[in-house]
PDB file of N, CA and C in Angstrom:
ATOM      1  N   MET A   1       0.580  -1.308  -0.026  1.00  0.00           N
ATOM      2  CA  MET A   1      -0.142   0.270   0.163  1.00  0.00           C
ATOM      3  C   MET A   1       0.807   1.295  -0.053  1.00  0.00           C
ATOM      4  N   PHE A   2       0.287   2.452  -0.325  1.00  0.00           N
ATOM      5  CA  PHE A   2       0.969   3.561  -0.503  1.00  0.00           C
ATOM      6  C   PHE A   2       0.461   4.541   1.087  1.00  0.00           C
ATOM      7  N   ALA A   3       1.196   5.131   1.426  1.00  0.00           N
ATOM      8  CA  ALA A   3       0.817   6.131   2.564  1.00  0.00           C
ATOM      9  C   ALA A   3       1.562   7.478   2.384  1.00  0.00           C
ATOM     10  N   ILE A   4       0.968   8.432   2.681  1.00  0.00           N
ATOM     11  CA  ILE A   4       1.203   9.640   3.409  1.00  0.00           C
ATOM     12  C   ILE A   4       1.003   9.917   4.564  1.00  0.00           C
ATOM     13  N   LEU A   5       2.336  10.353   5.174  1.00  0.00           N
ATOM     14  CA  LEU A   5       1.879  10.792   7.121  1.00  0.00           C
ATOM     15  C   LEU A   5       2.453  12.306   6.980  1.00  0.00           C
ATOM     16  N   VAL A   6       1.743  12.870   7.850  1.00  0.00           N
ATOM     17  CA  VAL A   6       2.054  14.227   7.872  1.00  0.00           C
ATOM     18  C   VAL A   6       1.420  14.392   9.355  1.00  0.00           C
ATOM     19  N   TYR A   7       2.542  15.313  10.053  1.00  0.00           N
ATOM     20  CA  TYR A   7       2.505  15.599  11.470  1.00  0.00           C
ATOM     21  C   TYR A   7       2.773  17.366  11.902  1.00  0.00           C
ATOM     22  N   ASP A   8       2.038  17.416  13.074  1.00  0.00           N
ATOM     23  CA  ASP A   8       2.248  18.645  13.677  1.00  0.00           C
ATOM     24  C   ASP A   8       2.906  18.402  15.312  1.00  0.00           C
ATOM     25  N   ILE A   9       3.953  18.269  15.743  1.00  0.00           N
ATOM     26  CA  ILE A   9       4.658  18.137  16.836  1.00  0.00           C
ATOM     27  C   ILE A   9       5.311  19.039  17.440  1.00  0.00           C
ATOM     28  N   ASN A  10       5.204  18.939  18.633  1.00  0.00           N
ATOM     29  CA  ASN A  10       5.648  19.796  19.707  1.00  0.00           C
ATOM     30  C   ASN A  10       7.429  19.786  19.142  1.00  0.00           C
ATOM     31  N   GLU A  11       7.963  21.017  19.522  1.00  0.00           N
ATOM     32  CA  GLU A  11       9.604  20.979  18.865  1.00  0.00           C
ATOM     33  C   GLU A  11      10.382  19.835  19.718  1.00  0.00           C
ATOM     34  N   LYS A  12       9.809  19.801  21.020  1.00  0.00           N
ATOM     35  CA  LYS A  12      10.767  18.939  21.847  1.00  0.00           C
ATOM     36  C   LYS A  12      10.631  17.469  21.339  1.00  0.00           C
ATOM     37  N   ARG A  13       9.805  16.882  20.580  1.00  0.00           N
ATOM     38  CA  ARG A  13       9.683  15.463  20.014  1.00  0.00           C
ATOM     39  C   ARG A  13       9.993  15.755  18.497  1.00  0.00           C
ATOM     40  N   VAL A  14      10.268  16.635  17.942  1.00  0.00           N
ATOM     41  CA  VAL A  14      10.250  16.455  16.573  1.00  0.00           C
ATOM     42  C   VAL A  14      11.409  15.420  15.868  1.00  0.00           C
ATOM     43  N   ALA A  15      12.464  15.825  16.437  1.00  0.00           N
ATOM     44  CA  ALA A  15      13.989  14.945  16.045  1.00  0.00           C
ATOM     45  C   ALA A  15      13.408  13.370  16.166  1.00  0.00           C
ATOM     46  N   LYS A  16      12.994  12.845  17.321  1.00  0.00           N
ATOM     47  CA  LYS A  16      12.439  11.544  17.494  1.00  0.00           C
ATOM     48  C   LYS A  16      11.486  11.283  16.690  1.00  0.00           C
ATOM     49  N   ILE A  17      10.525  12.216  16.409  1.00  0.00           N
ATOM     50  CA  ILE A  17       9.541  11.576  15.259  1.00  0.00           C
ATOM     51  C   ILE A  17      10.143  11.621  13.992  1.00  0.00           C
ATOM     52  N   LEU A  18      10.666  12.396  13.692  1.00  0.00           N
ATOM     53  CA  LEU A  18      11.485  12.225  12.204  1.00  0.00           C
ATOM     54  C   LEU A  18      12.226  11.184  12.143  1.00  0.00           C
ATOM     55  N   LYS A  19      13.202  10.762  13.088  1.00  0.00           N
ATOM     56  CA  LYS A  19      13.893   9.963  13.052  1.00  0.00           C
ATOM     57  C   LYS A  19      12.897   8.601  12.936  1.00  0.00           C
ATOM     58  N   ILE A  20      12.124   8.393  13.362  1.00  0.00           N
ATOM     59  CA  ILE A  20      10.905   6.844  13.469  1.00  0.00           C
ATOM     60  C   ILE A  20      10.661   7.101  11.914  1.00  0.00           C
ATOM     61  N   CYS A  21       9.551   7.741  11.500  1.00  0.00           N
ATOM     62  CA  CYS A  21       9.218   7.982  10.205  1.00  0.00           C
ATOM     63  C   CYS A  21      10.097   7.712   9.140  1.00  0.00           C
ATOM     64  N   ARG A  22      11.412   8.421   8.832  1.00  0.00           N
ATOM     65  CA  ARG A  22      12.051   8.039   8.135  1.00  0.00           C
ATOM     66  C   ARG A  22      12.526   6.563   8.064  1.00  0.00           C
ATOM     67  N   LYS A  23      12.392   5.681   8.956  1.00  0.00           N
ATOM     68  CA  LYS A  23      12.707   4.343   9.047  1.00  0.00           C
ATOM     69  C   LYS A  23      11.900   3.680   8.138  1.00  0.00           C
ATOM     70  N   TYR A  24      10.861   4.193   7.747  1.00  0.00           N
ATOM     71  CA  TYR A  24       9.827   3.495   7.203  1.00  0.00           C
ATOM     72  C   TYR A  24       8.940   3.977   5.791  1.00  0.00           C
ATOM     73  N   LEU A  25       9.129   5.626   5.833  1.00  0.00           N
ATOM     74  CA  LEU A  25       8.740   6.343   4.862  1.00  0.00           C
ATOM     75  C   LEU A  25       9.930   7.229   4.049  1.00  0.00           C
ATOM     76  N   VAL A  26       9.573   7.711   3.170  1.00  0.00           N
ATOM     77  CA  VAL A  26      10.809   8.869   2.635  1.00  0.00           C
ATOM     78  C   VAL A  26      10.011  10.382   3.154  1.00  0.00           C
ATOM     79  N   TRP A  27      11.093  10.985   3.360  1.00  0.00           N
ATOM     80  CA  TRP A  27      10.992  12.149   4.074  1.00  0.00           C
ATOM     81  C   TRP A  27      10.759  13.297   2.639  1.00  0.00           C
ATOM     82  N   VAL A  28       9.713  14.108   2.207  1.00  0.00           N
ATOM     83  CA  VAL A  28       9.797  14.569   1.444  1.00  0.00           C
ATOM     84  C   VAL A  28       9.294  16.144   1.594  1.00  0.00           C
ATOM     85  N   GLN A  29       9.071  16.384   2.764  1.00  0.00           N
ATOM     86  CA  GLN A  29       9.031  17.796   2.934  1.00  0.00           C
ATOM     87  C   GLN A  29       9.083  18.215   4.308  1.00  0.00           C
ATOM     88  N   ASN A  30       9.062  19.267   5.006  1.00  0.00           N
ATOM     89  CA  ASN A  30       9.061  19.230   6.183  1.00  0.00           C
ATOM     90  C   ASN A  30       7.626  18.645   7.045  1.00  0.00           C
ATOM     91  N   SER A  31       7.558  17.848   7.919  1.00  0.00           N
ATOM     92  CA  SER A  31       6.495  17.102   8.510  1.00  0.00           C
ATOM     93  C   SER A  31       5.632  16.146   7.496  1.00  0.00           C
ATOM     94  N   VAL A  32       6.358  15.990   6.151  1.00  0.00           N
ATOM     95  CA  VAL A  32       5.359  15.101   5.500  1.00  0.00           C
ATOM     96  C   VAL A  32       6.285  14.036   4.706  1.00  0.00           C
ATOM     97  N   PHE A  33       5.831  12.835   5.030  1.00  0.00           N
ATOM     98  CA  PHE A  33       6.434  11.401   4.464  1.00  0.00           C
ATOM     99  C   PHE A  33       5.707  10.933   3.390  1.00  0.00           C
ATOM    100  N   GLU A  34       6.056  10.123   2.674  1.00  0.00           N
ATOM    101  CA  GLU A  34       5.383   9.050   1.825  1.00  0.00           C
ATOM    102  C   GLU A  34       6.291   7.906   1.568  1.00  0.00           C
ATOM    103  N   GLY A  35       5.220   7.007   1.013  1.00  0.00           N
ATOM    104  CA  GLY A  35       6.022   5.789   0.249  1.00  0.00           C
ATOM    105  C   GLY A  35       5.006   4.369   0.434  1.00  0.00           C
ATOM    106  N   GLU A  36       5.703   3.481  -0.235  1.00  0.00           N
ATOM    107  CA  GLU A  36       5.060   2.238  -0.072  1.00  0.00           C
ATOM    108  C   GLU A  36       5.244   1.480   1.206  1.00  0.00           C
ATOM    109  N   ILE A  37       4.696   0.890   1.748  1.00  0.00           N
ATOM    110  CA  ILE A  37       4.650  -0.109   2.914  1.00  0.00           C
ATOM    111  C   ILE A  37       3.571  -1.018   3.093  1.00  0.00           C
ATOM    112  N   THR A  38       4.181  -2.086   4.066  1.00  0.00           N
ATOM    113  CA  THR A  38       3.119  -3.133   4.364  1.00  0.00           C
ATOM    114  C   THR A  38       2.494  -2.629   5.209  1.00  0.00           C
ATOM    115  N   LYS A  39       1.180  -3.445   5.294  1.00  0.00           N
ATOM    116  CA  LYS A  39       0.292  -3.500   6.686  1.00  0.00           C
ATOM    117  C   LYS A  39       1.196  -3.516   7.861  1.00  0.00           C
ATOM    118  N   ALA A  40       2.364  -4.479   8.265  1.00  0.00           N
ATOM    119  CA  ALA A  40       2.626  -4.922   9.121  1.00  0.00           C
ATOM    120  C   ALA A  40       3.501  -3.542   9.409  1.00  0.00           C
ATOM    121  N   LYS A  41       4.655  -3.277   8.617  1.00  0.00           N
ATOM    122  CA  LYS A  41       5.330  -2.086   9.057  1.00  0.00           C
ATOM    123  C   LYS A  41       4.566  -0.580   9.137  1.00  0.00           C
ATOM    124  N   LEU A  42       3.484  -0.649   8.668  1.00  0.00           N
ATOM    125  CA  LEU A  42       2.414   0.605   9.074  1.00  0.00           C
ATOM    126  C   LEU A  42       1.843   0.415  10.556  1.00  0.00           C
ATOM    127  N   GLU A  43       1.793  -0.535  11.002  1.00  0.00           N
ATOM    128  CA  GLU A  43       1.304  -1.202  12.512  1.00  0.00           C
ATOM    129  C   GLU A  43       2.596  -0.689  13.335  1.00  0.00           C
ATOM    130  N   LYS A  44       3.616  -1.017  13.033  1.00  0.00           N
ATOM    131  CA  LYS A  44       4.905  -1.033  13.799  1.00  0.00           C
ATOM    132  C   LYS A  44       5.132   0.366  13.818  1.00  0.00           C
ATOM    133  N   LEU A  45       5.462   1.473  12.685  1.00  0.00           N
ATOM    134  CA  LEU A  45       5.084   2.699  12.813  1.00  0.00           C
ATOM    135  C   LEU A  45       4.437   3.261  13.539  1.00  0.00           C
ATOM    136  N   LYS A  46       3.151   2.716  13.692  1.00  0.00           N
ATOM    137  CA  LYS A  46       1.904   3.775  14.459  1.00  0.00           C
ATOM    138  C   LYS A  46       2.302   3.016  15.994  1.00  0.00           C
ATOM    139  N   MET A  47       2.704   1.922  16.216  1.00  0.00           N
ATOM    140  CA  MET A  47       3.202   1.631  17.452  1.00  0.00           C
ATOM    141  C   MET A  47       4.125   2.251  18.198  1.00  0.00           C
ATOM    142  N   GLU A  48       5.003   2.759  17.175  1.00  0.00           N
ATOM    143  CA  GLU A  48       6.426   3.465  17.396  1.00  0.00           C
ATOM    144  C   GLU A  48       6.069   4.892  17.910  1.00  0.00           C
ATOM    145  N   LEU A  49       5.259   5.246  17.013  1.00  0.00           N
ATOM    146  CA  LEU A  49       4.973   6.779  17.281  1.00  0.00           C
ATOM    147  C   LEU A  49       4.173   7.204  18.328  1.00  0.00           C
ATOM    148  N   LYS A  50       2.998   6.365  18.494  1.00  0.00           N
ATOM    149  CA  LYS A  50       2.233   6.150  19.521  1.00  0.00           C
ATOM    150  C   LYS A  50       2.985   6.411  21.171  1.00  0.00           C
ATOM    151  N   LYS A  51       4.068   5.668  21.052  1.00  0.00           N
ATOM    152  CA  LYS A  51       4.994   5.891  22.225  1.00  0.00           C
ATOM    153  C   LYS A  51       5.690   7.252  22.480  1.00  0.00           C
ATOM    154  N   GLU A  52       5.799   7.716  21.532  1.00  0.00           N
ATOM    155  CA  GLU A  52       6.646   8.879  21.490  1.00  0.00           C
ATOM    156  C   GLU A  52       5.900  10.444  21.567  1.00  0.00           C
ATOM    157  N   ILE A  53       4.589  10.654  21.090  1.00  0.00           N
ATOM    158  CA  ILE A  53       3.721  11.593  21.184  1.00  0.00           C
ATOM    159  C   ILE A  53       2.913  11.853  22.413  1.00  0.00           C
ATOM    160  N   ASN A  54       2.413  13.203  22.255  1.00  0.00           N
ATOM    161  CA  ASN A  54       1.511  13.503  23.464  1.00  0.00           C
ATOM    162  C   ASN A  54       0.310  13.544  22.796  1.00  0.00           C
ATOM    163  N   GLU A  55      -0.436  12.980  23.145  1.00  0.00           N
ATOM    164  CA  GLU A  55      -1.698  12.998  22.484  1.00  0.00           C
ATOM    165  C   GLU A  55      -2.709  14.142  22.475  1.00  0.00           C
ATOM    166  N   LYS A  56      -2.508  15.043  23.642  1.00  0.00           N
ATOM    167  CA  LYS A  56      -2.979  16.148  24.206  1.00  0.00           C
ATOM    168  C   LYS A  56      -2.199  17.470  23.197  1.00  0.00           C
ATOM    169  N   GLU A  57      -1.264  17.286  22.516  1.00  0.00           N
ATOM    170  CA  GLU A  57      -0.489  18.315  21.977  1.00  0.00           C
ATOM    171  C   GLU A  57       0.007  18.017  20.563  1.00  0.00           C
ATOM    172  N   ASP A  58      -0.150  16.751  20.249  1.00  0.00           N
ATOM    173  CA  ASP A  58       0.702  16.349  19.204  1.00  0.00           C
ATOM    174  C   ASP A  58      -0.570  15.658  18.208  1.00  0.00           C
ATOM    175  N   SER A  59       0.018  15.997  16.826  1.00  0.00           N
ATOM    176  CA  SER A  59      -1.242  15.116  15.928  1.00  0.00           C
ATOM    177  C   SER A  59      -0.399  14.430  14.743  1.00  0.00           C
ATOM    178  N   VAL A  60      -0.638  13.513  14.395  1.00  0.00           N
ATOM    179  CA  VAL A  60      -0.059  12.580  13.120  1.00  0.00           C
ATOM    180  C   VAL A  60      -1.427  12.202  12.636  1.00  0.00           C
ATOM    181  N   ILE A  61      -1.315  12.640  11.229  1.00  0.00           N
ATOM    182  CA  ILE A  61      -2.324  12.159  10.481  1.00  0.00           C
ATOM    183  C   ILE A  61      -1.878  11.253   9.020  1.00  0.00           C
ATOM    184  N   ILE A  62      -2.136   9.778   8.996  1.00  0.00           N
ATOM    185  CA  ILE A  62      -1.893   8.862   7.744  1.00  0.00           C
ATOM    186  C   ILE A  62      -2.907   8.660   6.852  1.00  0.00           C
ATOM    187  N   TYR A  63      -2.669   8.735   5.787  1.00  0.00           N
ATOM    188  CA  TYR A  63      -3.479   8.723   4.224  1.00  0.00           C
ATOM    189  C   TYR A  63      -3.051   7.340   3.863  1.00  0.00           C
ATOM    190  N   THR A  64      -3.863   6.341   3.640  1.00  0.00           N
ATOM    191  CA  THR A  64      -3.350   4.954   3.166  1.00  0.00           C
ATOM    192  C   THR A  64      -4.070   5.121   1.967  1.00  0.00           C
ATOM    193  N   PHE A  65      -3.343   4.223   0.844  1.00  0.00           N
ATOM    194  CA  PHE A  65      -3.978   4.251  -0.683  1.00  0.00           C
ATOM    195  C   PHE A  65      -3.671   2.812  -1.062  1.00  0.00           C
ATOM    196  N   ARG A  66      -4.894   1.745  -1.386  1.00  0.00           N
ATOM    197  CA  ARG A  66      -4.301   0.395  -1.814  1.00  0.00           C
ATOM    198  C   ARG A  66      -3.265   0.360  -3.218  1.00  0.00           C
ATOM    199  N   THR A  67      -3.553   1.802  -3.910  1.00  0.00           N
ATOM    200  CA  THR A  67      -2.823   1.805  -5.287  1.00  0.00           C
ATOM    201  C   THR A  67      -2.695   3.274  -5.524  1.00  0.00           C
ATOM    202  N   THR A  68      -1.529   3.733  -6.112  1.00  0.00           N
ATOM    203  CA  THR A  68      -1.206   4.898  -6.648  1.00  0.00           C
ATOM    204  C   THR A  68      -1.708   5.245  -8.387  1.00  0.00           C
ATOM    205  N   ARG A  69      -2.402   4.207  -8.922  1.00  0.00           N
ATOM    206  CA  ARG A  69      -2.615   3.855 -10.188  1.00  0.00           C
ATOM    207  C   ARG A  69      -3.258   5.582 -10.776  1.00  0.00           C
ATOM    208  N   TYR A  70      -4.196   6.174  -9.675  1.00  0.00           N
ATOM    209  CA  TYR A  70      -5.385   7.108 -10.611  1.00  0.00           C
ATOM    210  C   TYR A  70      -4.855   8.455  -9.640  1.00  0.00           C
ATOM    211  N   SER A  71      -3.404   8.413  -8.881  1.00  0.00           N
ATOM    212  CA  SER A  71      -3.211   9.536  -8.459  1.00  0.00           C
ATOM    213  C   SER A  71      -2.188  10.379  -8.937  1.00  0.00           C
ATOM    214  N   ASN A  72      -2.001  11.611  -8.698  1.00  0.00           N
ATOM    215  CA  ASN A  72      -1.025  12.546  -9.538  1.00  0.00           C
ATOM    216  C   ASN A  72      -0.402  13.365  -8.283  1.00  0.00           C
ATOM    217  N   ARG A  73       1.028  13.685  -8.369  1.00  0.00           N
ATOM    218  CA  ARG A  73       1.669  14.559  -7.837  1.00  0.00           C
ATOM    219  C   ARG A  73       2.192  15.511  -8.326  1.00  0.00           C
ATOM    220  N   GLU A  74       1.786  16.848  -7.754  1.00  0.00           N
ATOM    221  CA  GLU A  74       2.363  18.060  -8.869  1.00  0.00           C
ATOM    222  C   GLU A  74       3.246  18.702  -7.525  1.00  0.00           C
ATOM    223  N   ILE A  75       4.258  19.186  -7.979  1.00  0.00           N
ATOM    224  CA  ILE A  75       5.254  19.987  -6.946  1.00  0.00           C
ATOM    225  C   ILE A  75       5.307  21.407  -7.713  1.00  0.00           C
ATOM    226  N   MET A  76       5.030  22.554  -6.904  1.00  0.00           N
ATOM    227  CA  MET A  76       4.853  23.833  -7.010  1.00  0.00           C
ATOM    228  C   MET A  76       6.295  24.244  -6.296  1.00  0.00           C
ATOM    229  N   GLY A  77       7.266  24.957  -6.907  1.00  0.00           N
ATOM    230  CA  GLY A  77       8.284  25.547  -6.071  1.00  0.00           C
ATOM    231  C   GLY A  77       9.250  24.618  -5.780  1.00  0.00           C
ATOM    232  N   LEU A  78       9.958  24.660  -4.727  1.00  0.00           N
ATOM    233  CA  LEU A  78      11.164  24.087  -4.423  1.00  0.00           C
ATOM    234  C   LEU A  78      10.844  22.397  -3.957  1.00  0.00           C
ATOM    235  N   GLU A  79      11.260  21.518  -4.692  1.00  0.00           N
ATOM    236  CA  GLU A  79      11.273  20.258  -4.346  1.00  0.00           C
ATOM    237  C   GLU A  79      12.429  19.775  -3.389  1.00  0.00           C
ATOM    238  N   ARG A  80      11.913  19.311  -2.122  1.00  0.00           N
ATOM    239  CA  ARG A  80      12.704  18.643  -1.139  1.00  0.00           C
ATOM    240  C   ARG A  80      12.619  17.182  -0.865  1.00  0.00           C
ATOM    241  N   GLY A  81      13.333  16.504  -0.214  1.00  0.00           N
ATOM    242  CA  GLY A  81      13.445  15.163   0.305  1.00  0.00           C
ATOM    243  C   GLY A  81      13.429  14.127  -1.050  1.00  0.00           C
ATOM    244  N   GLY A  82      12.491  13.442  -1.019  1.00  0.00           N
ATOM    245  CA  GLY A  82      12.700  12.184  -1.781  1.00  0.00           C
ATOM    246  C   GLY A  82      12.424  12.388  -3.775  1.00  0.00           C
ATOM    247  N   GLN A  83      13.135  13.191  -3.917  1.00  0.00           N
ATOM    248  CA  GLN A  83      12.957  13.330  -5.793  1.00  0.00           C
ATOM    249  C   GLN A  83      12.823  12.203  -6.524  1.00  0.00           C
ATOM    250  N   ASP A  84      13.534  10.638  -5.955  1.00  0.00           N
ATOM    251  CA  ASP A  84      13.157   9.750  -6.640  1.00  0.00           C
ATOM    252  C   ASP A  84      12.002   9.042  -6.866  1.00  0.00           C
ATOM    253  N   ILE A  85      10.961   9.624  -5.760  1.00  0.00           N
ATOM    254  CA  ILE A  85       9.779   9.299  -5.841  1.00  0.00           C
ATOM    255  C   ILE A  85       8.556   9.695  -6.450  1.00  0.00           C
ATOM    256  N   ILE A  86       7.929   9.247  -7.501  1.00  0.00           N
ATOM    257  CA  ILE A  86       7.058   9.948  -8.172  1.00  0.00           C
ATOM    258  C   ILE A  86       5.681   8.946  -8.382  1.00  0.00           C
ATOM    259  N   LEU A  87       4.646   9.677  -7.840  1.00  0.00           N
ATOM    260  CA  LEU A  87       3.418   9.106  -7.941  1.00  0.00           C
ATOM    261  C   LEU A  87       3.052   8.605  -9.318  1.00  0.00           C
TER     262      LEU A  87
END
C-alpha cells in the first residue's frame, strides 16, 4: 500500500518523530512523508509513534491508498526530500 504521513509535533519531540518516520517512509517535505509500506510495517510505525507523541499536544495523520494508479503528484516551487519518488 502507499501512505502519506503528516504531523504537527511539539518541538521537543520533532527529532524523535522524524527519525522514526524516516525508518519507514521517504521524507519529502517538512513534516511530510510518503512511500510504499506493508500493513505490518505501518502497524509497527504507528506503535512507535504512539509511544513518543503526546496525544494532548501532537497530531499525526496517515493517509493510505491501495494503489497510486489514479493519483497525481504535482510540485510547485522547491522540491525537497525524496526526489526519486514519483506517483
